[in-house]
PDB file of N, CA and C in Angstrom:
ATOM      1  N   MET A   1       2.629 -21.013   2.800  1.00  0.00           N
ATOM      2  CA  MET A   1       3.945 -20.639   2.330  1.00  0.00           C
ATOM      3  C   MET A   1       4.225 -19.158   2.587  1.00  0.00           C
ATOM      4  N   GLN A   2       3.199 -18.324   2.413  1.00  0.00           N
ATOM      5  CA  GLN A   2       3.412 -16.900   2.642  1.00  0.00           C
ATOM      6  C   GLN A   2       3.709 -16.615   4.108  1.00  0.00           C
ATOM      7  N   GLN A   3       3.173 -17.434   5.019  1.00  0.00           N
ATOM      8  CA  GLN A   3       3.474 -17.257   6.432  1.00  0.00           C
ATOM      9  C   GLN A   3       4.965 -17.467   6.694  1.00  0.00           C
ATOM     10  N   LEU A   4       5.576 -18.425   6.000  1.00  0.00           N
ATOM     11  CA  LEU A   4       7.000 -18.685   6.194  1.00  0.00           C
ATOM     12  C   LEU A   4       7.855 -17.526   5.697  1.00  0.00           C
ATOM     13  N   ILE A   5       7.466 -16.938   4.593  1.00  0.00           N
ATOM     14  CA  ILE A   5       8.269 -15.875   3.992  1.00  0.00           C
ATOM     15  C   ILE A   5       8.235 -14.597   4.829  1.00  0.00           C
ATOM     16  N   LYS A   6       7.189 -14.392   5.614  1.00  0.00           N
ATOM     17  CA  LYS A   6       7.013 -13.144   6.359  1.00  0.00           C
ATOM     18  C   LYS A   6       7.942 -13.008   7.561  1.00  0.00           C
ATOM     19  N   THR A   7       8.475 -14.113   8.088  1.00  0.00           N
ATOM     20  CA  THR A   7       9.296 -14.038   9.294  1.00  0.00           C
ATOM     21  C   THR A   7      10.713 -14.540   9.019  1.00  0.00           C
ATOM     22  N   ASN A   8      11.654 -14.087   9.841  1.00  0.00           N
ATOM     23  CA  ASN A   8      13.033 -14.580   9.716  1.00  0.00           C
ATOM     24  C   ASN A   8      13.106 -16.073   9.984  1.00  0.00           C
ATOM     25  N   LEU A   9      12.362 -16.546  10.970  1.00  0.00           N
ATOM     26  CA  LEU A   9      12.362 -17.972  11.282  1.00  0.00           C
ATOM     27  C   LEU A   9      11.787 -18.787  10.129  1.00  0.00           C
ATOM     28  N   GLY A  10      10.744 -18.281   9.509  1.00  0.00           N
ATOM     29  CA  GLY A  10      10.171 -18.964   8.353  1.00  0.00           C
ATOM     30  C   GLY A  10      11.152 -19.028   7.195  1.00  0.00           C
ATOM     31  N   ARG A  11      11.853 -17.926   6.962  1.00  0.00           N
ATOM     32  CA  ARG A  11      12.865 -17.929   5.898  1.00  0.00           C
ATOM     33  C   ARG A  11      14.005 -18.889   6.223  1.00  0.00           C
ATOM     34  N   LEU A  12      14.346 -18.990   7.511  1.00  0.00           N
ATOM     35  CA  LEU A  12      15.377 -19.953   7.915  1.00  0.00           C
ATOM     36  C   LEU A  12      14.909 -21.373   7.637  1.00  0.00           C
ATOM     37  N   ARG A  13      13.644 -21.659   7.895  1.00  0.00           N
ATOM     38  CA  ARG A  13      13.107 -22.995   7.623  1.00  0.00           C
ATOM     39  C   ARG A  13      13.158 -23.309   6.130  1.00  0.00           C
ATOM     40  N   ILE A  14      12.839 -22.320   5.304  1.00  0.00           N
ATOM     41  CA  ILE A  14      12.915 -22.520   3.851  1.00  0.00           C
ATOM     42  C   ILE A  14      14.364 -22.756   3.432  1.00  0.00           C
ATOM     43  N   LEU A  15      15.278 -21.940   3.954  1.00  0.00           N
ATOM     44  CA  LEU A  15      16.696 -22.119   3.635  1.00  0.00           C
ATOM     45  C   LEU A  15      17.212 -23.463   4.122  1.00  0.00           C
ATOM     46  N   ALA A  16      16.746 -23.925   5.281  1.00  0.00           N
ATOM     47  CA  ALA A  16      17.164 -25.237   5.793  1.00  0.00           C
ATOM     48  C   ALA A  16      16.750 -26.331   4.824  1.00  0.00           C
ATOM     49  N   PHE A  17      15.540 -26.238   4.300  1.00  0.00           N
ATOM     50  CA  PHE A  17      15.075 -27.237   3.336  1.00  0.00           C
ATOM     51  C   PHE A  17      15.900 -27.183   2.057  1.00  0.00           C
ATOM     52  N   LEU A  18      16.082 -25.984   1.503  1.00  0.00           N
ATOM     53  CA  LEU A  18      16.832 -25.852   0.255  1.00  0.00           C
ATOM     54  C   LEU A  18      18.288 -26.280   0.420  1.00  0.00           C
ATOM     55  N   GLU A  19      18.909 -25.875   1.522  1.00  0.00           N
ATOM     56  CA  GLU A  19      20.301 -26.247   1.780  1.00  0.00           C
ATOM     57  C   GLU A  19      20.417 -27.759   1.964  1.00  0.00           C
ATOM     58  N   GLY A  20      19.472 -28.349   2.687  1.00  0.00           N
ATOM     59  CA  GLY A  20      19.486 -29.795   2.891  1.00  0.00           C
ATOM     60  C   GLY A  20      19.315 -30.559   1.588  1.00  0.00           C
ATOM     61  N   MET A  21      18.405 -30.089   0.744  1.00  0.00           N
ATOM     62  CA  MET A  21      18.198 -30.748  -0.550  1.00  0.00           C
ATOM     63  C   MET A  21      19.436 -30.615  -1.438  1.00  0.00           C
ATOM     64  N   SER A  22      20.047 -29.433  -1.443  1.00  0.00           N
ATOM     65  CA  SER A  22      21.235 -29.249  -2.288  1.00  0.00           C
ATOM     66  C   SER A  22      22.386 -30.123  -1.795  1.00  0.00           C
ATOM     67  N   LEU A  23      22.511 -30.298  -0.474  1.00  0.00           N
ATOM     68  CA  LEU A  23      23.551 -31.177   0.061  1.00  0.00           C
ATOM     69  C   LEU A  23      23.303 -32.620  -0.345  1.00  0.00           C
ATOM     70  N   LEU A  24      22.051 -33.058  -0.284  1.00  0.00           N
ATOM     71  CA  LEU A  24      21.730 -34.430  -0.684  1.00  0.00           C
ATOM     72  C   LEU A  24      22.024 -34.666  -2.160  1.00  0.00           C
ATOM     73  N   VAL A  25      21.634 -33.716  -3.002  1.00  0.00           N
ATOM     74  CA  VAL A  25      21.914 -33.844  -4.438  1.00  0.00           C
ATOM     75  C   VAL A  25      23.418 -33.879  -4.669  1.00  0.00           C
ATOM     76  N   LEU A  26      24.132 -33.013  -3.975  1.00  0.00           N
ATOM     77  CA  LEU A  26      25.582 -32.954  -4.137  1.00  0.00           C
ATOM     78  C   LEU A  26      26.251 -34.253  -3.705  1.00  0.00           C
ATOM     79  N   VAL A  27      25.914 -34.730  -2.519  1.00  0.00           N
ATOM     80  CA  VAL A  27      26.588 -35.904  -1.958  1.00  0.00           C
ATOM     81  C   VAL A  27      26.185 -37.204  -2.652  1.00  0.00           C
ATOM     82  N   PHE A  28      24.893 -37.356  -2.926  1.00  0.00           N
ATOM     83  CA  PHE A  28      24.424 -38.648  -3.411  1.00  0.00           C
ATOM     84  C   PHE A  28      24.245 -38.739  -4.920  1.00  0.00           C
ATOM     85  N   ILE A  29      24.307 -37.624  -5.632  1.00  0.00           N
ATOM     86  CA  ILE A  29      24.141 -37.686  -7.083  1.00  0.00           C
ATOM     87  C   ILE A  29      25.365 -37.147  -7.812  1.00  0.00           C
ATOM     88  N   THR A  30      25.704 -35.861  -7.576  1.00  0.00           N
ATOM     89  CA  THR A  30      26.744 -35.251  -8.408  1.00  0.00           C
ATOM     90  C   THR A  30      28.156 -35.719  -8.071  1.00  0.00           C
ATOM     91  N   VAL A  31      28.444 -35.982  -6.789  1.00  0.00           N
ATOM     92  CA  VAL A  31      29.786 -36.461  -6.447  1.00  0.00           C
ATOM     93  C   VAL A  31      30.028 -37.870  -7.007  1.00  0.00           C
ATOM     94  N   PRO A  32      29.073 -38.804  -6.867  1.00  0.00           N
ATOM     95  CA  PRO A  32      29.291 -40.098  -7.539  1.00  0.00           C
ATOM     96  C   PRO A  32      29.398 -39.965  -9.060  1.00  0.00           C
ATOM     97  N   MET A  33      28.608 -39.052  -9.641  1.00  0.00           N
ATOM     98  CA  MET A  33      28.731 -38.842 -11.085  1.00  0.00           C
ATOM     99  C   MET A  33      30.145 -38.404 -11.440  1.00  0.00           C
ATOM    100  N   LYS A  34      30.717 -37.554 -10.629  1.00  0.00           N
ATOM    101  CA  LYS A  34      32.049 -37.016 -10.913  1.00  0.00           C
ATOM    102  C   LYS A  34      33.132 -38.076 -10.735  1.00  0.00           C
ATOM    103  N   TYR A  35      33.096 -38.799  -9.612  1.00  0.00           N
ATOM    104  CA  TYR A  35      34.206 -39.687  -9.292  1.00  0.00           C
ATOM    105  C   TYR A  35      34.027 -41.120  -9.790  1.00  0.00           C
ATOM    106  N   ILE A  36      32.817 -41.544 -10.049  1.00  0.00           N
ATOM    107  CA  ILE A  36      32.619 -42.902 -10.559  1.00  0.00           C
ATOM    108  C   ILE A  36      32.552 -42.909 -12.082  1.00  0.00           C
ATOM    109  N   TRP A  37      31.774 -41.983 -12.652  1.00  0.00           N
ATOM    110  CA  TRP A  37      31.566 -41.982 -14.095  1.00  0.00           C
ATOM    111  C   TRP A  37      32.324 -40.875 -14.824  1.00  0.00           C
ATOM    112  N   GLY A  38      33.049 -40.043 -14.085  1.00  0.00           N
ATOM    113  CA  GLY A  38      33.865 -39.009 -14.723  1.00  0.00           C
ATOM    114  C   GLY A  38      33.062 -37.884 -15.343  1.00  0.00           C
ATOM    115  N   ILE A  39      31.900 -37.570 -14.778  1.00  0.00           N
ATOM    116  CA  ILE A  39      31.054 -36.495 -15.300  1.00  0.00           C
ATOM    117  C   ILE A  39      31.042 -35.362 -14.257  1.00  0.00           C
ATOM    118  N   PRO A  40      31.914 -34.360 -14.397  1.00  0.00           N
ATOM    119  CA  PRO A  40      32.032 -33.321 -13.372  1.00  0.00           C
ATOM    120  C   PRO A  40      31.013 -32.185 -13.482  1.00  0.00           C
ATOM    121  N   GLU A  41      30.227 -32.142 -14.553  1.00  0.00           N
ATOM    122  CA  GLU A  41      29.346 -30.998 -14.773  1.00  0.00           C
ATOM    123  C   GLU A  41      28.311 -30.803 -13.657  1.00  0.00           C
ATOM    124  N   GLY A  42      27.796 -31.895 -13.114  1.00  0.00           N
ATOM    125  CA  GLY A  42      26.806 -31.782 -12.036  1.00  0.00           C
ATOM    126  C   GLY A  42      27.378 -31.079 -10.816  1.00  0.00           C
ATOM    127  N   SER A  43      28.584 -31.468 -10.427  1.00  0.00           N
ATOM    128  CA  SER A  43      29.232 -30.834  -9.274  1.00  0.00           C
ATOM    129  C   SER A  43      29.579 -29.382  -9.562  1.00  0.00           C
ATOM    130  N   GLN A  44      29.925 -29.085 -10.798  1.00  0.00           N
ATOM    131  CA  GLN A  44      30.261 -27.716 -11.159  1.00  0.00           C
ATOM    132  C   GLN A  44      29.048 -26.798 -11.106  1.00  0.00           C
ATOM    133  N   ILE A  45      27.860 -27.363 -11.274  1.00  0.00           N
ATOM    134  CA  ILE A  45      26.639 -26.556 -11.218  1.00  0.00           C
ATOM    135  C   ILE A  45      26.086 -26.519  -9.795  1.00  0.00           C
ATOM    136  N   ILE A  46      25.926 -27.683  -9.173  1.00  0.00           N
ATOM    137  CA  ILE A  46      25.294 -27.771  -7.857  1.00  0.00           C
ATOM    138  C   ILE A  46      26.217 -27.264  -6.752  1.00  0.00           C
ATOM    139  N   GLY A  47      27.517 -27.444  -6.881  1.00  0.00           N
ATOM    140  CA  GLY A  47      28.464 -27.014  -5.854  1.00  0.00           C
ATOM    141  C   GLY A  47      28.337 -25.545  -5.484  1.00  0.00           C
ATOM    142  N   PRO A  48      28.405 -24.636  -6.453  1.00  0.00           N
ATOM    143  CA  PRO A  48      28.263 -23.214  -6.112  1.00  0.00           C
ATOM    144  C   PRO A  48      26.874 -22.851  -5.574  1.00  0.00           C
ATOM    145  N   ILE A  49      25.840 -23.506  -6.100  1.00  0.00           N
ATOM    146  CA  ILE A  49      24.487 -23.253  -5.596  1.00  0.00           C
ATOM    147  C   ILE A  49      24.409 -23.650  -4.126  1.00  0.00           C
ATOM    148  N   HIS A  50      24.936 -24.829  -3.815  1.00  0.00           N
ATOM    149  CA  HIS A  50      24.949 -25.289  -2.426  1.00  0.00           C
ATOM    150  C   HIS A  50      25.776 -24.340  -1.550  1.00  0.00           C
ATOM    151  N   GLY A  51      26.895 -23.857  -2.057  1.00  0.00           N
ATOM    152  CA  GLY A  51      27.731 -22.926  -1.292  1.00  0.00           C
ATOM    153  C   GLY A  51      26.994 -21.655  -0.928  1.00  0.00           C
ATOM    154  N   VAL A  52      26.264 -21.083  -1.867  1.00  0.00           N
ATOM    155  CA  VAL A  52      25.492 -19.871  -1.605  1.00  0.00           C
ATOM    156  C   VAL A  52      24.385 -20.156  -0.591  1.00  0.00           C
ATOM    157  N   LEU A  53      23.683 -21.267  -0.766  1.00  0.00           N
ATOM    158  CA  LEU A  53      22.621 -21.627   0.180  1.00  0.00           C
ATOM    159  C   LEU A  53      23.183 -21.857   1.583  1.00  0.00           C
ATOM    160  N   PHE A  54      24.355 -22.463   1.664  1.00  0.00           N
ATOM    161  CA  PHE A  54      24.990 -22.706   2.962  1.00  0.00           C
ATOM    162  C   PHE A  54      25.315 -21.386   3.665  1.00  0.00           C
ATOM    163  N   VAL A  55      25.909 -20.457   2.940  1.00  0.00           N
ATOM    164  CA  VAL A  55      26.269 -19.161   3.538  1.00  0.00           C
ATOM    165  C   VAL A  55      25.010 -18.416   3.984  1.00  0.00           C
ATOM    166  N   LEU A  56      23.976 -18.417   3.150  1.00  0.00           N
ATOM    167  CA  LEU A  56      22.723 -17.763   3.532  1.00  0.00           C
ATOM    168  C   LEU A  56      22.099 -18.432   4.755  1.00  0.00           C
ATOM    169  N   PHE A  57      22.187 -19.757   4.822  1.00  0.00           N
ATOM    170  CA  PHE A  57      21.646 -20.493   5.956  1.00  0.00           C
ATOM    171  C   PHE A  57      22.366 -20.111   7.243  1.00  0.00           C
ATOM    172  N   VAL A  58      23.688 -20.065   7.206  1.00  0.00           N
ATOM    173  CA  VAL A  58      24.467 -19.725   8.408  1.00  0.00           C
ATOM    174  C   VAL A  58      24.171 -18.298   8.860  1.00  0.00           C
ATOM    175  N   ILE A  59      24.159 -17.362   7.933  1.00  0.00           N
ATOM    176  CA  ILE A  59      23.873 -15.969   8.281  1.00  0.00           C
ATOM    177  C   ILE A  59      22.474 -15.846   8.875  1.00  0.00           C
ATOM    178  N   ASN A  60      21.508 -16.495   8.249  1.00  0.00           N
ATOM    179  CA  ASN A  60      20.138 -16.416   8.739  1.00  0.00           C
ATOM    180  C   ASN A  60      19.989 -17.133  10.081  1.00  0.00           C
ATOM    181  N   ALA A  61      20.701 -18.232  10.288  1.00  0.00           N
ATOM    182  CA  ALA A  61      20.632 -18.951  11.566  1.00  0.00           C
ATOM    183  C   ALA A  61      21.145 -18.070  12.701  1.00  0.00           C
ATOM    184  N   VAL A  62      22.237 -17.383  12.467  1.00  0.00           N
ATOM    185  CA  VAL A  62      22.772 -16.477  13.492  1.00  0.00           C
ATOM    186  C   VAL A  62      21.801 -15.325  13.731  1.00  0.00           C
ATOM    187  N   SER A  63      21.233 -14.775  12.670  1.00  0.00           N
ATOM    188  CA  SER A  63      20.278 -13.678  12.793  1.00  0.00           C
ATOM    189  C   SER A  63      19.046 -14.099  13.597  1.00  0.00           C
ATOM    190  N   VAL A  64      18.499 -15.270  13.283  1.00  0.00           N
ATOM    191  CA  VAL A  64      17.325 -15.760  14.012  1.00  0.00           C
ATOM    192  C   VAL A  64      17.697 -16.074  15.457  1.00  0.00           C
ATOM    193  N   GLY A  65      18.871 -16.630  15.675  1.00  0.00           N
ATOM    194  CA  GLY A  65      19.323 -16.925  17.024  1.00  0.00           C
ATOM    195  C   GLY A  65      19.417 -15.682  17.886  1.00  0.00           C
ATOM    196  N   ILE A  66      19.920 -14.606  17.314  1.00  0.00           N
ATOM    197  CA  ILE A  66      20.006 -13.339  18.041  1.00  0.00           C
ATOM    198  C   ILE A  66      18.602 -12.774  18.291  1.00  0.00           C
ATOM    199  N   GLU A  67      17.751 -12.842  17.271  1.00  0.00           N
ATOM    200  CA  GLU A  67      16.388 -12.318  17.406  1.00  0.00           C
ATOM    201  C   GLU A  67      15.598 -13.060  18.484  1.00  0.00           C
ATOM    202  N   TYR A  68      15.740 -14.386  18.536  1.00  0.00           N
ATOM    203  CA  TYR A  68      14.993 -15.192  19.496  1.00  0.00           C
ATOM    204  C   TYR A  68      15.741 -15.383  20.821  1.00  0.00           C
ATOM    205  N   LYS A  69      16.915 -14.765  20.932  1.00  0.00           N
ATOM    206  CA  LYS A  69      17.736 -14.850  22.143  1.00  0.00           C
ATOM    207  C   LYS A  69      18.070 -16.298  22.510  1.00  0.00           C
ATOM    208  N   TRP A  70      18.414 -17.081  21.462  1.00  0.00           N
ATOM    209  CA  TRP A  70      18.848 -18.456  21.684  1.00  0.00           C
ATOM    210  C   TRP A  70      20.285 -18.450  22.178  1.00  0.00           C
ATOM    211  N   THR A  71      20.656 -19.476  22.915  1.00  0.00           N
ATOM    212  CA  THR A  71      22.040 -19.597  23.377  1.00  0.00           C
ATOM    213  C   THR A  71      22.920 -19.999  22.200  1.00  0.00           C
ATOM    214  N   TRP A  72      24.156 -19.506  22.215  1.00  0.00           N
ATOM    215  CA  TRP A  72      25.078 -19.856  21.128  1.00  0.00           C
ATOM    216  C   TRP A  72      25.391 -21.333  21.147  1.00  0.00           C
ATOM    217  N   PHE A  73      25.596 -21.852  22.350  1.00  0.00           N
ATOM    218  CA  PHE A  73      25.843 -23.281  22.452  1.00  0.00           C
ATOM    219  C   PHE A  73      24.857 -23.835  23.454  1.00  0.00           C
ATOM    220  N   PRO A  74      24.065 -24.789  23.138  1.00  0.00           N
ATOM    221  CA  PRO A  74      24.166 -25.670  21.987  1.00  0.00           C
ATOM    222  C   PRO A  74      23.263 -25.298  20.816  1.00  0.00           C
ATOM    223  N   ARG A  75      22.237 -24.454  21.002  1.00  0.00           N
ATOM    224  CA  ARG A  75      21.199 -24.322  19.969  1.00  0.00           C
ATOM    225  C   ARG A  75      21.725 -23.781  18.638  1.00  0.00           C
ATOM    226  N   ILE A  76      22.313 -22.596  18.616  1.00  0.00           N
ATOM    227  CA  ILE A  76      22.765 -22.020  17.339  1.00  0.00           C
ATOM    228  C   ILE A  76      23.864 -22.887  16.731  1.00  0.00           C
ATOM    229  N   ALA A  77      24.768 -23.371  17.569  1.00  0.00           N
ATOM    230  CA  ALA A  77      25.846 -24.237  17.067  1.00  0.00           C
ATOM    231  C   ALA A  77      25.286 -25.515  16.448  1.00  0.00           C
ATOM    232  N   LEU A  78      24.286 -26.120  17.073  1.00  0.00           N
ATOM    233  CA  LEU A  78      23.684 -27.342  16.517  1.00  0.00           C
ATOM    234  C   LEU A  78      22.973 -27.065  15.204  1.00  0.00           C
ATOM    235  N   ILE A  79      22.299 -25.938  15.129  1.00  0.00           N
ATOM    236  CA  ILE A  79      21.608 -25.588  13.881  1.00  0.00           C
ATOM    237  C   ILE A  79      22.614 -25.435  12.746  1.00  0.00           C
ATOM    238  N   ILE A  80      23.718 -24.761  13.013  1.00  0.00           N
ATOM    239  CA  ILE A  80      24.738 -24.577  11.972  1.00  0.00           C
ATOM    240  C   ILE A  80      25.428 -25.898  11.647  1.00  0.00           C
ATOM    241  N   LEU A  81      25.795 -26.666  12.664  1.00  0.00           N
ATOM    242  CA  LEU A  81      26.463 -27.952  12.422  1.00  0.00           C
ATOM    243  C   LEU A  81      25.572 -28.941  11.680  1.00  0.00           C
ATOM    244  N   SER A  82      24.261 -28.810  11.825  1.00  0.00           N
ATOM    245  CA  SER A  82      23.352 -29.726  11.134  1.00  0.00           C
ATOM    246  C   SER A  82      23.487 -29.633   9.621  1.00  0.00           C
ATOM    247  N   SER A  83      23.924 -28.487   9.136  1.00  0.00           N
ATOM    248  CA  SER A  83      24.029 -28.306   7.691  1.00  0.00           C
ATOM    249  C   SER A  83      25.204 -29.074   7.090  1.00  0.00           C
ATOM    250  N   PHE A  84      26.070 -29.628   7.930  1.00  0.00           N
ATOM    251  CA  PHE A  84      27.196 -30.419   7.435  1.00  0.00           C
ATOM    252  C   PHE A  84      26.838 -31.895   7.266  1.00  0.00           C
ATOM    253  N   ILE A  85      25.704 -32.307   7.817  1.00  0.00           N
ATOM    254  CA  ILE A  85      25.318 -33.715   7.842  1.00  0.00           C
ATOM    255  C   ILE A  85      24.131 -33.917   6.907  1.00  0.00           C
ATOM    256  N   PRO A  86      24.211 -34.879   5.985  1.00  0.00           N
ATOM    257  CA  PRO A  86      23.031 -35.149   5.159  1.00  0.00           C
ATOM    258  C   PRO A  86      21.821 -35.461   6.044  1.00  0.00           C
ATOM    259  N   PHE A  87      20.696 -34.896   5.723  1.00  0.00           N
ATOM    260  CA  PHE A  87      19.427 -34.998   6.452  1.00  0.00           C
ATOM    261  C   PHE A  87      19.450 -34.230   7.781  1.00  0.00           C
ATOM    262  N   GLY A  88      20.567 -33.608   8.152  1.00  0.00           N
ATOM    263  CA  GLY A  88      20.661 -32.883   9.415  1.00  0.00           C
ATOM    264  C   GLY A  88      19.756 -31.676   9.482  1.00  0.00           C
ATOM    265  N   SER A  89      19.657 -30.927   8.401  1.00  0.00           N
ATOM    266  CA  SER A  89      18.819 -29.728   8.436  1.00  0.00           C
ATOM    267  C   SER A  89      17.338 -30.088   8.539  1.00  0.00           C
ATOM    268  N   PHE A  90      16.946 -31.242   8.027  1.00  0.00           N
ATOM    269  CA  PHE A  90      15.549 -31.669   8.144  1.00  0.00           C
ATOM    270  C   PHE A  90      15.232 -32.023   9.601  1.00  0.00           C
ATOM    271  N   TYR A  91      16.179 -32.662  10.273  1.00  0.00           N
ATOM    272  CA  TYR A  91      16.001 -33.002  11.680  1.00  0.00           C
ATOM    273  C   TYR A  91      15.913 -31.739  12.536  1.00  0.00           C
ATOM    274  N   ILE A  92      16.806 -30.793  12.293  1.00  0.00           N
ATOM    275  CA  ILE A  92      16.820 -29.547  13.054  1.00  0.00           C
ATOM    276  C   ILE A  92      15.531 -28.766  12.821  1.00  0.00           C
ATOM    277  N   ASP A  93      15.022 -28.789  11.596  1.00  0.00           N
ATOM    278  CA  ASP A  93      13.759 -28.108  11.326  1.00  0.00           C
ATOM    279  C   ASP A  93      12.643 -28.709  12.170  1.00  0.00           C
ATOM    280  N   LYS A  94      12.586 -30.027  12.229  1.00  0.00           N
ATOM    281  CA  LYS A  94      11.535 -30.694  13.006  1.00  0.00           C
ATOM    282  C   LYS A  94      11.736 -30.505  14.508  1.00  0.00           C
ATOM    283  N   LYS A  95      12.983 -30.568  14.963  1.00  0.00           N
ATOM    284  CA  LYS A  95      13.286 -30.530  16.394  1.00  0.00           C
ATOM    285  C   LYS A  95      13.236 -29.115  16.983  1.00  0.00           C
ATOM    286  N   PHE A  96      13.805 -28.124  16.290  1.00  0.00           N
ATOM    287  CA  PHE A  96      13.940 -26.780  16.844  1.00  0.00           C
ATOM    288  C   PHE A  96      13.123 -25.708  16.128  1.00  0.00           C
ATOM    289  N   LEU A  97      13.173 -25.704  14.804  1.00  0.00           N
ATOM    290  CA  LEU A  97      12.625 -24.567  14.062  1.00  0.00           C
ATOM    291  C   LEU A  97      11.101 -24.594  13.978  1.00  0.00           C
ATOM    292  N   LYS A  98      10.528 -25.725  13.635  1.00  0.00           N
ATOM    293  CA  LYS A  98       9.077 -25.804  13.496  1.00  0.00           C
ATOM    294  C   LYS A  98       8.368 -25.523  14.825  1.00  0.00           C
ATOM    295  N   PRO A  99       8.818 -26.090  15.964  1.00  0.00           N
ATOM    296  CA  PRO A  99       8.152 -25.760  17.236  1.00  0.00           C
ATOM    297  C   PRO A  99       8.272 -24.273  17.612  1.00  0.00           C
ATOM    298  N   ALA A 100       9.323 -23.609  17.173  1.00  0.00           N
ATOM    299  CA  ALA A 100       9.506 -22.194  17.511  1.00  0.00           C
ATOM    300  C   ALA A 100       8.669 -21.279  16.619  1.00  0.00           C
ATOM    301  N   GLN A 101       8.184 -21.808  15.486  1.00  0.00           N
ATOM    302  CA  GLN A 101       7.402 -21.019  14.529  1.00  0.00           C
ATOM    303  C   GLN A 101       6.038 -20.688  15.130  1.00  0.00           C
ATOM    304  N   VAL A 102       5.715 -19.423  15.212  1.00  0.00           N
ATOM    305  CA  VAL A 102       4.415 -18.981  15.703  1.00  0.00           C
ATOM    306  C   VAL A 102       3.510 -18.787  14.504  1.00  0.00           C
ATOM    307  N   VAL A 103       2.405 -19.492  14.481  1.00  0.00           N
ATOM    308  CA  VAL A 103       1.503 -19.422  13.323  1.00  0.00           C
ATOM    309  C   VAL A 103       0.467 -18.350  13.535  1.00  0.00           C
TER     310      VAL A 103
END
């Protein structure tokens, strides 16, 4: 875990996991709670947390892309777009981020 925290790419991988988990909780738990059972508190708590994680993920993705001299399209664009799709950030981590991580 400390190896991940030491590099920008490692921090991006951590943010990808956290952002992906917050999106899953938001989409599959708190939104149904709000619209099916009328309990909005979950969305009111998880929504802003997910928003902050999303912004940090995008900023860090661009920063890592510049550092590693990745092309804007398709690599950086795909990494950012993955955060809009449930399970997308997990796929991007496996496909792009983990192989680029130097241990």
